Amino acid sequence: MRDGPTSDADLWRLIATDDHQAFTELFERHAQTVWNYAYRLTASWSAADDLLATTFLTAWRRRREVRLVRESALPWLYTVTSNVCRGERRRRGRFLRVVPRLVTAGSTPDHAEQFAQDSATRERLHRVLAAIEHLPRGECEAVKVCLLGGTSAADAAELFGISEVSVRSRLSRARARLQELTQETPDE
């Protein structure tokens, strides 16, 4: 900690020069308040944890761009938290809109075949969706954005702030894991 009270604006100026101690101080000063705000937005402890981490990651990434209008960083942190939460809700909504199309894609066989196929497809889809949630976070995000959301690897790379090769690598590893996780046993 620094000697005497330091305003958020003073800390932010230091953070813009890559001062990790100043960033730590800002985090310690506002993390609980931002987490509480995120929890009120989501009603989920884990989602609030994710929002808190993403908010401060965004703060660090944008440390040179942001200029605080007032002495407190809290309004800006609240805005980022709210925007990230809204983006996550939109992403989840797009994901849920894609799921029915996955089930109904393809040609239509006769009624009995359609019923059996729909049932098997739904069961397989549920297994795949459950398996996606068990992937490592980076792979899970790549699958949701690229494979389920239809986003190109290049656009996903820009979205995640990584190289396109990294996105393709994540997708390759995810496909292999999903194949393992969703393999049917002889009893099924």
N, C-alpha and C. Protein backbone atom coordinates (compact mmCIF):
# COMPACT_ATOMS: atom_id res chain seq x y z
N MET A 1 0.83 -1.19 0.00
CA MET A 1 0.00 0.00 0.00
C MET A 1 0.88 1.25 0.00
N ARG A 2 0.34 2.30 -0.50
CA ARG A 2 1.06 3.57 -0.62
C ARG A 2 0.86 4.39 0.64
N ASP A 3 1.75 5.34 0.85
CA ASP A 3 1.62 6.24 1.99
C ASP A 3 0.45 7.18 1.77
N GLY A 4 -0.42 7.27 2.74
CA GLY A 4 -1.53 8.22 2.68
C GLY A 4 -2.58 7.81 1.66
N PRO A 5 -3.73 8.47 1.71
CA PRO A 5 -4.80 8.14 0.75
C PRO A 5 -4.42 8.58 -0.66
N THR A 6 -4.61 7.70 -1.59
CA THR A 6 -4.36 7.99 -3.00
C THR A 6 -5.69 7.85 -3.72
N SER A 7 -6.02 8.82 -4.54
CA SER A 7 -7.29 8.76 -5.26
C SER A 7 -7.22 7.70 -6.36
N ASP A 8 -8.39 7.28 -6.83
CA ASP A 8 -8.43 6.33 -7.93
C ASP A 8 -7.78 6.93 -9.18
N ALA A 9 -7.99 8.22 -9.39
CA ALA A 9 -7.40 8.87 -10.56
C ALA A 9 -5.87 8.82 -10.49
N ASP A 10 -5.31 9.04 -9.30
CA ASP A 10 -3.85 8.94 -9.13
C ASP A 10 -3.39 7.51 -9.39
N LEU A 11 -4.12 6.55 -8.85
CA LEU A 11 -3.77 5.15 -9.09
C LEU A 11 -3.84 4.81 -10.58
N TRP A 12 -4.89 5.30 -11.23
CA TRP A 12 -5.08 4.99 -12.65
C TRP A 12 -3.92 5.55 -13.49
N ARG A 13 -3.45 6.73 -13.15
CA ARG A 13 -2.29 7.29 -13.86
C ARG A 13 -1.08 6.38 -13.69
N LEU A 14 -0.90 5.83 -12.51
CA LEU A 14 0.21 4.89 -12.28
C LEU A 14 -0.02 3.58 -13.02
N ILE A 15 -1.25 3.13 -13.02
CA ILE A 15 -1.60 1.88 -13.71
C ILE A 15 -1.30 2.02 -15.20
N ALA A 16 -1.58 3.18 -15.76
CA ALA A 16 -1.32 3.42 -17.19
C ALA A 16 0.15 3.30 -17.53
N THR A 17 1.02 3.41 -16.53
CA THR A 17 2.46 3.23 -16.74
C THR A 17 2.91 1.83 -16.32
N ASP A 18 1.95 0.89 -16.26
CA ASP A 18 2.21 -0.53 -15.94
C ASP A 18 2.61 -0.77 -14.49
N ASP A 19 2.11 0.04 -13.59
CA ASP A 19 2.41 -0.12 -12.16
C ASP A 19 1.48 -1.19 -11.58
N HIS A 20 2.03 -2.38 -11.36
CA HIS A 20 1.24 -3.51 -10.87
C HIS A 20 0.76 -3.28 -9.43
N GLN A 21 1.58 -2.65 -8.63
CA GLN A 21 1.19 -2.38 -7.25
C GLN A 21 -0.02 -1.45 -7.21
N ALA A 22 -0.04 -0.45 -8.06
CA ALA A 22 -1.19 0.47 -8.12
C ALA A 22 -2.44 -0.29 -8.56
N PHE A 23 -2.29 -1.20 -9.52
CA PHE A 23 -3.43 -1.98 -9.98
C PHE A 23 -3.94 -2.88 -8.86
N THR A 24 -3.03 -3.49 -8.13
CA THR A 24 -3.41 -4.34 -7.00
C THR A 24 -4.17 -3.52 -5.96
N GLU A 25 -3.69 -2.33 -5.70
CA GLU A 25 -4.36 -1.46 -4.73
C GLU A 25 -5.77 -1.09 -5.22
N LEU A 26 -5.90 -0.76 -6.50
CA LEU A 26 -7.22 -0.45 -7.05
C LEU A 26 -8.14 -1.66 -6.96
N PHE A 27 -7.60 -2.84 -7.28
CA PHE A 27 -8.38 -4.07 -7.20
C PHE A 27 -8.85 -4.30 -5.77
N GLU A 28 -7.94 -4.23 -4.82
CA GLU A 28 -8.30 -4.47 -3.42
C GLU A 28 -9.31 -3.45 -2.92
N ARG A 29 -9.23 -2.25 -3.44
CA ARG A 29 -10.14 -1.18 -3.03
C ARG A 29 -11.57 -1.42 -3.53
N HIS A 30 -11.70 -1.97 -4.74
CA HIS A 30 -13.03 -2.03 -5.36
C HIS A 30 -13.54 -3.43 -5.69
N ALA A 31 -12.76 -4.47 -5.48
CA ALA A 31 -13.17 -5.82 -5.89
C ALA A 31 -14.47 -6.26 -5.22
N GLN A 32 -14.58 -6.08 -3.93
CA GLN A 32 -15.79 -6.53 -3.24
C GLN A 32 -17.03 -5.78 -3.73
N THR A 33 -16.90 -4.49 -3.94
CA THR A 33 -18.03 -3.69 -4.41
C THR A 33 -18.44 -4.11 -5.82
N VAL A 34 -17.46 -4.33 -6.69
CA VAL A 34 -17.76 -4.75 -8.06
C VAL A 34 -18.37 -6.16 -8.04
N TRP A 35 -17.85 -7.05 -7.18
CA TRP A 35 -18.41 -8.40 -7.09
C TRP A 35 -19.87 -8.34 -6.63
N ASN A 36 -20.14 -7.51 -5.62
CA ASN A 36 -21.52 -7.37 -5.15
C ASN A 36 -22.45 -6.88 -6.26
N TYR A 37 -21.97 -5.92 -7.03
CA TYR A 37 -22.75 -5.39 -8.16
C TYR A 37 -22.99 -6.51 -9.18
N ALA A 38 -21.94 -7.27 -9.50
CA ALA A 38 -22.07 -8.37 -10.46
C ALA A 38 -23.04 -9.43 -9.94
N TYR A 39 -22.99 -9.69 -8.66
CA TYR A 39 -23.93 -10.67 -8.08
C TYR A 39 -25.37 -10.17 -8.20
N ARG A 40 -25.58 -8.88 -7.97
CA ARG A 40 -26.93 -8.34 -8.12
C ARG A 40 -27.41 -8.44 -9.57
N LEU A 41 -26.50 -8.33 -10.51
CA LEU A 41 -26.87 -8.45 -11.92
C LEU A 41 -27.19 -9.88 -12.33
N THR A 42 -26.51 -10.85 -11.70
CA THR A 42 -26.62 -12.24 -12.16
C THR A 42 -27.28 -13.20 -11.19
N ALA A 43 -27.28 -12.87 -9.91
CA ALA A 43 -27.79 -13.76 -8.86
C ALA A 43 -27.04 -15.10 -8.86
N SER A 44 -25.77 -15.05 -9.24
CA SER A 44 -24.95 -16.26 -9.28
C SER A 44 -23.56 -15.93 -8.77
N TRP A 45 -23.10 -16.72 -7.80
CA TRP A 45 -21.76 -16.50 -7.26
C TRP A 45 -20.69 -16.71 -8.32
N SER A 46 -20.80 -17.80 -9.05
CA SER A 46 -19.77 -18.09 -10.05
C SER A 46 -19.80 -17.07 -11.19
N ALA A 47 -20.99 -16.65 -11.61
CA ALA A 47 -21.07 -15.63 -12.66
C ALA A 47 -20.50 -14.31 -12.16
N ALA A 48 -20.74 -13.98 -10.89
CA ALA A 48 -20.18 -12.76 -10.31
C ALA A 48 -18.66 -12.84 -10.26
N ASP A 49 -18.12 -14.02 -9.93
CA ASP A 49 -16.67 -14.20 -9.94
C ASP A 49 -16.11 -13.97 -11.35
N ASP A 50 -16.78 -14.55 -12.35
CA ASP A 50 -16.33 -14.39 -13.73
C ASP A 50 -16.40 -12.93 -14.18
N LEU A 51 -17.50 -12.27 -13.82
CA LEU A 51 -17.64 -10.85 -14.19
C LEU A 51 -16.57 -9.99 -13.52
N LEU A 52 -16.29 -10.27 -12.26
CA LEU A 52 -15.25 -9.52 -11.54
C LEU A 52 -13.91 -9.68 -12.26
N ALA A 53 -13.56 -10.91 -12.58
CA ALA A 53 -12.28 -11.17 -13.25
C ALA A 53 -12.23 -10.49 -14.62
N THR A 54 -13.31 -10.60 -15.38
CA THR A 54 -13.34 -10.00 -16.71
C THR A 54 -13.29 -8.48 -16.63
N THR A 55 -13.96 -7.91 -15.65
CA THR A 55 -13.95 -6.45 -15.49
C THR A 55 -12.54 -5.95 -15.23
N PHE A 56 -11.85 -6.58 -14.31
CA PHE A 56 -10.49 -6.11 -13.99
C PHE A 56 -9.49 -6.48 -15.09
N LEU A 57 -9.73 -7.57 -15.80
CA LEU A 57 -8.90 -7.88 -16.96
C LEU A 57 -9.07 -6.79 -18.02
N THR A 58 -10.31 -6.38 -18.24
CA THR A 58 -10.58 -5.29 -19.18
C THR A 58 -9.92 -4.00 -18.71
N ALA A 59 -9.99 -3.74 -17.42
CA ALA A 59 -9.34 -2.53 -16.88
C ALA A 59 -7.85 -2.56 -17.17
N TRP A 60 -7.22 -3.71 -16.96
CA TRP A 60 -5.78 -3.79 -17.20
C TRP A 60 -5.48 -3.64 -18.70
N ARG A 61 -6.25 -4.30 -19.53
CA ARG A 61 -6.01 -4.22 -20.98
C ARG A 61 -6.22 -2.80 -21.52
N ARG A 62 -7.15 -2.07 -20.94
CA ARG A 62 -7.47 -0.73 -21.43
C ARG A 62 -6.84 0.37 -20.58
N ARG A 63 -5.89 0.01 -19.76
CA ARG A 63 -5.32 0.95 -18.79
C ARG A 63 -4.77 2.22 -19.42
N ARG A 64 -4.29 2.16 -20.64
CA ARG A 64 -3.73 3.34 -21.29
C ARG A 64 -4.78 4.16 -22.03
N GLU A 65 -5.94 3.58 -22.30
CA GLU A 65 -6.98 4.25 -23.08
C GLU A 65 -7.95 5.04 -22.20
N VAL A 66 -8.22 4.55 -21.02
CA VAL A 66 -9.27 5.10 -20.17
C VAL A 66 -8.79 6.33 -19.43
N ARG A 67 -9.62 7.34 -19.43
CA ARG A 67 -9.38 8.54 -18.63
C ARG A 67 -10.59 8.71 -17.72
N LEU A 68 -10.34 8.66 -16.44
CA LEU A 68 -11.43 8.80 -15.47
C LEU A 68 -11.91 10.25 -15.46
N VAL A 69 -13.21 10.42 -15.49
CA VAL A 69 -13.79 11.76 -15.49
C VAL A 69 -13.80 12.33 -14.08
N ARG A 70 -14.07 11.49 -13.13
CA ARG A 70 -14.08 11.90 -11.73
C ARG A 70 -12.97 11.16 -11.00
N GLU A 71 -12.85 11.38 -9.74
CA GLU A 71 -11.77 10.77 -8.96
C GLU A 71 -11.97 9.27 -8.73
N SER A 72 -13.17 8.75 -8.92
CA SER A 72 -13.43 7.35 -8.62
C SER A 72 -13.44 6.50 -9.90
N ALA A 73 -12.83 5.33 -9.83
CA ALA A 73 -12.86 4.38 -10.94
C ALA A 73 -14.13 3.55 -10.90
N LEU A 74 -14.86 3.61 -9.82
CA LEU A 74 -16.02 2.75 -9.63
C LEU A 74 -17.09 2.90 -10.72
N PRO A 75 -17.47 4.12 -11.13
CA PRO A 75 -18.47 4.21 -12.20
C PRO A 75 -18.03 3.51 -13.49
N TRP A 76 -16.75 3.67 -13.83
CA TRP A 76 -16.24 3.01 -15.03
C TRP A 76 -16.26 1.49 -14.85
N LEU A 77 -15.86 1.01 -13.68
CA LEU A 77 -15.87 -0.43 -13.40
C LEU A 77 -17.29 -0.98 -13.44
N TYR A 78 -18.25 -0.23 -12.91
CA TYR A 78 -19.66 -0.64 -12.98
C TYR A 78 -20.12 -0.74 -14.44
N THR A 79 -19.74 0.23 -15.24
CA THR A 79 -20.15 0.23 -16.65
C THR A 79 -19.57 -0.98 -17.37
N VAL A 80 -18.31 -1.26 -17.14
CA VAL A 80 -17.68 -2.43 -17.77
C VAL A 80 -18.38 -3.70 -17.32
N THR A 81 -18.64 -3.82 -16.02
CA THR A 81 -19.30 -5.01 -15.49
C THR A 81 -20.67 -5.20 -16.14
N SER A 82 -21.41 -4.12 -16.22
CA SER A 82 -22.74 -4.17 -16.83
C SER A 82 -22.65 -4.55 -18.31
N ASN A 83 -21.72 -3.97 -19.04
CA ASN A 83 -21.57 -4.29 -20.46
C ASN A 83 -21.15 -5.74 -20.67
N VAL A 84 -20.24 -6.23 -19.86
CA VAL A 84 -19.81 -7.62 -19.98
C VAL A 84 -20.98 -8.56 -19.67
N CYS A 85 -21.74 -8.24 -18.65
CA CYS A 85 -22.91 -9.05 -18.30
C CYS A 85 -23.92 -9.06 -19.44
N ARG A 86 -24.19 -7.90 -20.00
CA ARG A 86 -25.14 -7.80 -21.11
C ARG A 86 -24.63 -8.60 -22.31
N GLY A 87 -23.34 -8.51 -22.60
CA GLY A 87 -22.77 -9.28 -23.70
C GLY A 87 -22.88 -10.78 -23.47
N GLU A 88 -22.66 -11.20 -22.24
CA GLU A 88 -22.78 -12.62 -21.90
C GLU A 88 -24.23 -13.09 -22.07
N ARG A 89 -25.18 -12.26 -21.68
CA ARG A 89 -26.59 -12.63 -21.86
C ARG A 89 -26.94 -12.74 -23.33
N ARG A 90 -26.43 -11.81 -24.15
CA ARG A 90 -26.68 -11.88 -25.60
C ARG A 90 -26.06 -13.15 -26.17
N ARG A 91 -24.81 -13.47 -25.75
CA ARG A 91 -24.14 -14.67 -26.23
C ARG A 91 -24.93 -15.91 -25.86
N ARG A 92 -25.40 -15.95 -24.63
CA ARG A 92 -26.19 -17.10 -24.17
C ARG A 92 -27.51 -17.19 -24.95
N GLY A 93 -28.12 -16.05 -25.23
CA GLY A 93 -29.36 -16.03 -26.02
C GLY A 93 -29.12 -16.55 -27.43
N ARG A 94 -28.01 -16.12 -28.06
CA ARG A 94 -27.69 -16.63 -29.41
C ARG A 94 -27.48 -18.13 -29.36
N PHE A 95 -26.78 -18.58 -28.33
CA PHE A 95 -26.52 -20.00 -28.17
C PHE A 95 -27.84 -20.77 -28.07
N LEU A 96 -28.77 -20.27 -27.26
CA LEU A 96 -30.04 -20.97 -27.08
C LEU A 96 -30.89 -20.93 -28.35
N ARG A 97 -30.71 -19.90 -29.18
CA ARG A 97 -31.45 -19.85 -30.45
C ARG A 97 -30.87 -20.83 -31.46
N VAL A 98 -29.58 -21.15 -31.34
CA VAL A 98 -28.93 -22.07 -32.27
C VAL A 98 -29.32 -23.51 -31.97
N VAL A 99 -29.51 -23.84 -30.73
CA VAL A 99 -29.78 -25.22 -30.33
C VAL A 99 -30.96 -25.83 -31.08
N PRO A 100 -32.12 -25.18 -31.18
CA PRO A 100 -33.22 -25.81 -31.93
C PRO A 100 -32.87 -26.07 -33.41
N ARG A 101 -32.07 -25.19 -34.01
CA ARG A 101 -31.70 -25.41 -35.40
C ARG A 101 -30.81 -26.63 -35.55
N LEU A 102 -30.02 -26.92 -34.53
CA LEU A 102 -29.18 -28.11 -34.58
C LEU A 102 -30.03 -29.37 -34.58
N VAL A 103 -31.13 -29.33 -33.86
CA VAL A 103 -32.00 -30.50 -33.76
C VAL A 103 -32.82 -30.67 -35.03
N THR A 104 -33.25 -29.58 -35.67
CA THR A 104 -34.16 -29.68 -36.81
C THR A 104 -33.45 -29.67 -38.16
N ALA A 105 -32.12 -29.56 -38.20
CA ALA A 105 -31.40 -29.52 -39.47
C ALA A 105 -31.46 -30.88 -40.15
N GLY A 106 -31.47 -30.88 -41.50
CA GLY A 106 -31.44 -32.14 -42.25
C GLY A 106 -32.74 -32.44 -42.93
N SER A 107 -32.79 -33.59 -43.63
CA SER A 107 -33.99 -33.99 -44.36
C SER A 107 -35.00 -34.63 -43.40
N THR A 108 -36.23 -34.77 -43.88
CA THR A 108 -37.29 -35.29 -43.03
C THR A 108 -37.68 -36.71 -43.47
N PRO A 109 -37.32 -37.72 -42.67
CA PRO A 109 -37.75 -39.09 -42.98
C PRO A 109 -39.23 -39.28 -42.59
N ASP A 110 -39.76 -40.51 -42.78
CA ASP A 110 -41.16 -40.72 -42.43
C ASP A 110 -41.37 -40.53 -40.92
N HIS A 111 -42.62 -40.54 -40.50
CA HIS A 111 -42.97 -40.17 -39.12
C HIS A 111 -42.27 -41.03 -38.07
N ALA A 112 -42.28 -42.34 -38.23
CA ALA A 112 -41.65 -43.24 -37.24
C ALA A 112 -40.14 -43.01 -37.20
N GLU A 113 -39.53 -42.89 -38.37
CA GLU A 113 -38.11 -42.63 -38.41
C GLU A 113 -37.80 -41.25 -37.81
N GLN A 114 -38.66 -40.29 -38.12
CA GLN A 114 -38.46 -38.93 -37.59
C GLN A 114 -38.51 -38.94 -36.06
N PHE A 115 -39.49 -39.67 -35.50
CA PHE A 115 -39.62 -39.74 -34.05
C PHE A 115 -38.38 -40.38 -33.42
N ALA A 116 -37.95 -41.50 -33.96
CA ALA A 116 -36.77 -42.18 -33.42
C ALA A 116 -35.52 -41.32 -33.59
N GLN A 117 -35.41 -40.69 -34.75
CA GLN A 117 -34.24 -39.84 -35.01
C GLN A 117 -34.24 -38.61 -34.09
N ASP A 118 -35.41 -37.98 -33.91
CA ASP A 118 -35.51 -36.81 -33.03
C ASP A 118 -35.13 -37.16 -31.60
N SER A 119 -35.63 -38.29 -31.15
CA SER A 119 -35.32 -38.72 -29.80
C SER A 119 -33.82 -38.97 -29.63
N ALA A 120 -33.24 -39.69 -30.57
CA ALA A 120 -31.80 -39.97 -30.52
C ALA A 120 -30.99 -38.68 -30.66
N THR A 121 -31.45 -37.80 -31.55
CA THR A 121 -30.74 -36.54 -31.76
C THR A 121 -30.79 -35.68 -30.50
N ARG A 122 -31.96 -35.61 -29.87
CA ARG A 122 -32.09 -34.83 -28.63
C ARG A 122 -31.17 -35.38 -27.54
N GLU A 123 -31.16 -36.71 -27.41
CA GLU A 123 -30.30 -37.32 -26.40
C GLU A 123 -28.83 -37.03 -26.70
N ARG A 124 -28.44 -37.17 -27.96
CA ARG A 124 -27.05 -36.89 -28.35
C ARG A 124 -26.74 -35.41 -28.14
N LEU A 125 -27.67 -34.54 -28.51
CA LEU A 125 -27.47 -33.10 -28.34
C LEU A 125 -27.29 -32.76 -26.86
N HIS A 126 -28.10 -33.33 -26.00
CA HIS A 126 -27.96 -33.09 -24.56
C HIS A 126 -26.59 -33.57 -24.06
N ARG A 127 -26.14 -34.74 -24.56
CA ARG A 127 -24.82 -35.24 -24.16
C ARG A 127 -23.72 -34.29 -24.63
N VAL A 128 -23.84 -33.82 -25.87
CA VAL A 128 -22.82 -32.92 -26.42
C VAL A 128 -22.81 -31.60 -25.65
N LEU A 129 -23.99 -31.03 -25.41
CA LEU A 129 -24.06 -29.75 -24.69
C LEU A 129 -23.52 -29.89 -23.27
N ALA A 130 -23.81 -31.00 -22.63
CA ALA A 130 -23.28 -31.23 -21.28
C ALA A 130 -21.76 -31.39 -21.34
N ALA A 131 -21.27 -32.08 -22.35
CA ALA A 131 -19.83 -32.28 -22.50
C ALA A 131 -19.12 -30.97 -22.78
N ILE A 132 -19.74 -30.08 -23.54
CA ILE A 132 -19.13 -28.78 -23.83
C ILE A 132 -18.85 -28.03 -22.54
N GLU A 133 -19.76 -28.10 -21.60
CA GLU A 133 -19.58 -27.39 -20.33
C GLU A 133 -18.44 -27.95 -19.50
N HIS A 134 -17.99 -29.17 -19.81
CA HIS A 134 -16.88 -29.79 -19.07
C HIS A 134 -15.53 -29.55 -19.73
N LEU A 135 -15.52 -28.87 -20.86
CA LEU A 135 -14.26 -28.55 -21.52
C LEU A 135 -13.53 -27.46 -20.75
N PRO A 136 -12.22 -27.38 -20.91
CA PRO A 136 -11.50 -26.23 -20.33
C PRO A 136 -12.09 -24.93 -20.89
N ARG A 137 -12.03 -23.87 -20.12
CA ARG A 137 -12.73 -22.63 -20.46
C ARG A 137 -12.43 -22.12 -21.87
N GLY A 138 -11.16 -22.08 -22.26
CA GLY A 138 -10.80 -21.58 -23.58
C GLY A 138 -11.41 -22.40 -24.70
N GLU A 139 -11.39 -23.71 -24.54
CA GLU A 139 -11.97 -24.61 -25.54
C GLU A 139 -13.49 -24.46 -25.57
N CYS A 140 -14.08 -24.36 -24.39
CA CYS A 140 -15.54 -24.19 -24.29
C CYS A 140 -15.98 -22.91 -25.02
N GLU A 141 -15.28 -21.81 -24.78
CA GLU A 141 -15.62 -20.55 -25.43
C GLU A 141 -15.45 -20.66 -26.95
N ALA A 142 -14.37 -21.30 -27.40
CA ALA A 142 -14.13 -21.45 -28.83
C ALA A 142 -15.24 -22.27 -29.48
N VAL A 143 -15.66 -23.36 -28.84
CA VAL A 143 -16.73 -24.19 -29.38
C VAL A 143 -18.03 -23.39 -29.47
N LYS A 144 -18.36 -22.69 -28.39
CA LYS A 144 -19.62 -21.94 -28.38
C LYS A 144 -19.62 -20.83 -29.43
N VAL A 145 -18.52 -20.14 -29.54
CA VAL A 145 -18.47 -19.01 -30.48
C VAL A 145 -18.36 -19.49 -31.93
N CYS A 146 -17.45 -20.44 -32.18
CA CYS A 146 -17.19 -20.85 -33.56
C CYS A 146 -18.14 -21.94 -34.06
N LEU A 147 -18.22 -23.04 -33.32
CA LEU A 147 -19.00 -24.17 -33.80
C LEU A 147 -20.50 -23.98 -33.62
N LEU A 148 -20.90 -23.44 -32.48
CA LEU A 148 -22.33 -23.24 -32.26
C LEU A 148 -22.80 -21.87 -32.74
N GLY A 149 -21.96 -20.88 -32.61
CA GLY A 149 -22.34 -19.52 -33.00
C GLY A 149 -22.06 -19.19 -34.44
N GLY A 150 -21.26 -20.02 -35.12
CA GLY A 150 -20.99 -19.80 -36.53
C GLY A 150 -20.00 -18.68 -36.81
N THR A 151 -19.24 -18.28 -35.81
CA THR A 151 -18.24 -17.23 -35.99
C THR A 151 -16.97 -17.84 -36.58
N SER A 152 -16.32 -17.11 -37.49
CA SER A 152 -15.08 -17.62 -38.09
C SER A 152 -13.96 -17.62 -37.05
N ALA A 153 -12.96 -18.45 -37.29
CA ALA A 153 -11.82 -18.53 -36.38
C ALA A 153 -11.10 -17.18 -36.32
N ALA A 154 -11.04 -16.48 -37.44
CA ALA A 154 -10.38 -15.16 -37.47
C ALA A 154 -11.13 -14.16 -36.60
N ASP A 155 -12.47 -14.15 -36.69
CA ASP A 155 -13.26 -13.23 -35.86
C ASP A 155 -13.18 -13.62 -34.39
N ALA A 156 -13.19 -14.91 -34.11
CA ALA A 156 -13.07 -15.37 -32.73
C ALA A 156 -11.72 -14.99 -32.15
N ALA A 157 -10.67 -15.09 -32.97
CA ALA A 157 -9.33 -14.72 -32.52
C ALA A 157 -9.30 -13.25 -32.11
N GLU A 158 -9.94 -12.42 -32.91
CA GLU A 158 -9.99 -10.99 -32.58
C GLU A 158 -10.81 -10.78 -31.30
N LEU A 159 -11.92 -11.49 -31.18
CA LEU A 159 -12.77 -11.38 -30.01
C LEU A 159 -12.03 -11.79 -28.74
N PHE A 160 -11.27 -12.89 -28.80
CA PHE A 160 -10.56 -13.41 -27.63
C PHE A 160 -9.22 -12.73 -27.40
N GLY A 161 -8.73 -12.00 -28.41
CA GLY A 161 -7.43 -11.37 -28.27
C GLY A 161 -6.27 -12.34 -28.38
N ILE A 162 -6.46 -13.39 -29.20
CA ILE A 162 -5.41 -14.39 -29.41
C ILE A 162 -5.26 -14.60 -30.91
N SER A 163 -4.29 -15.42 -31.30
CA SER A 163 -4.08 -15.66 -32.74
C SER A 163 -5.13 -16.64 -33.28
N GLU A 164 -5.32 -16.57 -34.60
CA GLU A 164 -6.26 -17.47 -35.25
C GLU A 164 -5.80 -18.92 -35.10
N VAL A 165 -4.49 -19.14 -35.13
CA VAL A 165 -3.94 -20.48 -34.95
C VAL A 165 -4.32 -21.03 -33.57
N SER A 166 -4.29 -20.17 -32.56
CA SER A 166 -4.67 -20.60 -31.20
C SER A 166 -6.14 -21.01 -31.15
N VAL A 167 -6.99 -20.26 -31.84
CA VAL A 167 -8.42 -20.61 -31.88
C VAL A 167 -8.59 -21.96 -32.55
N ARG A 168 -7.94 -22.15 -33.68
CA ARG A 168 -8.05 -23.43 -34.40
C ARG A 168 -7.52 -24.59 -33.54
N SER A 169 -6.46 -24.33 -32.80
CA SER A 169 -5.90 -25.35 -31.92
C SER A 169 -6.89 -25.70 -30.82
N ARG A 170 -7.52 -24.68 -30.24
CA ARG A 170 -8.52 -24.93 -29.20
C ARG A 170 -9.68 -25.76 -29.76
N LEU A 171 -10.12 -25.42 -30.98
CA LEU A 171 -11.22 -26.17 -31.59
C LEU A 171 -10.82 -27.62 -31.85
N SER A 172 -9.61 -27.83 -32.30
CA SER A 172 -9.14 -29.19 -32.56
C SER A 172 -9.11 -30.02 -31.27
N ARG A 173 -8.54 -29.42 -30.22
CA ARG A 173 -8.50 -30.14 -28.94
C ARG A 173 -9.92 -30.37 -28.41
N ALA A 174 -10.78 -29.39 -28.57
CA ALA A 174 -12.17 -29.53 -28.09
C ALA A 174 -12.88 -30.65 -28.83
N ARG A 175 -12.70 -30.73 -30.14
CA ARG A 175 -13.36 -31.80 -30.92
C ARG A 175 -12.91 -33.17 -30.42
N ALA A 176 -11.61 -33.30 -30.18
CA ALA A 176 -11.09 -34.59 -29.70
C ALA A 176 -11.68 -34.92 -28.33
N ARG A 177 -11.71 -33.93 -27.44
CA ARG A 177 -12.28 -34.18 -26.11
C ARG A 177 -13.77 -34.49 -26.20
N LEU A 178 -14.49 -33.77 -27.04
CA LEU A 178 -15.93 -34.01 -27.18
C LEU A 178 -16.20 -35.40 -27.72
N GLN A 179 -15.39 -35.83 -28.64
CA GLN A 179 -15.57 -37.18 -29.17
C GLN A 179 -15.39 -38.21 -28.06
N GLU A 180 -14.37 -38.01 -27.22
CA GLU A 180 -14.17 -38.90 -26.07
C GLU A 180 -15.33 -38.83 -25.09
N LEU A 181 -15.73 -37.61 -24.77
CA LEU A 181 -16.76 -37.40 -23.74
C LEU A 181 -18.14 -37.89 -24.18
N THR A 182 -18.40 -37.92 -25.49
CA THR A 182 -19.74 -38.28 -25.96
C THR A 182 -19.79 -39.65 -26.62
N GLN A 183 -18.71 -40.42 -26.56
CA GLN A 183 -18.72 -41.75 -27.13
C GLN A 183 -19.78 -42.57 -26.43
N GLU A 184 -20.53 -43.31 -27.23
CA GLU A 184 -21.56 -44.17 -26.65
C GLU A 184 -20.93 -45.48 -26.22
N THR A 185 -21.39 -45.96 -25.10
CA THR A 185 -20.92 -47.25 -24.61
C THR A 185 -21.76 -48.35 -25.27
N PRO A 186 -21.31 -49.61 -25.29
CA PRO A 186 -22.08 -50.69 -25.90
C PRO A 186 -23.48 -50.85 -25.31
N ASP A 187 -23.68 -50.43 -24.06
CA ASP A 187 -24.99 -50.56 -23.42
C ASP A 187 -26.01 -49.56 -23.93
N GLU A 188 -25.54 -48.49 -24.59
CA GLU A 188 -26.47 -47.43 -25.02
C GLU A 188 -27.14 -47.76 -26.31
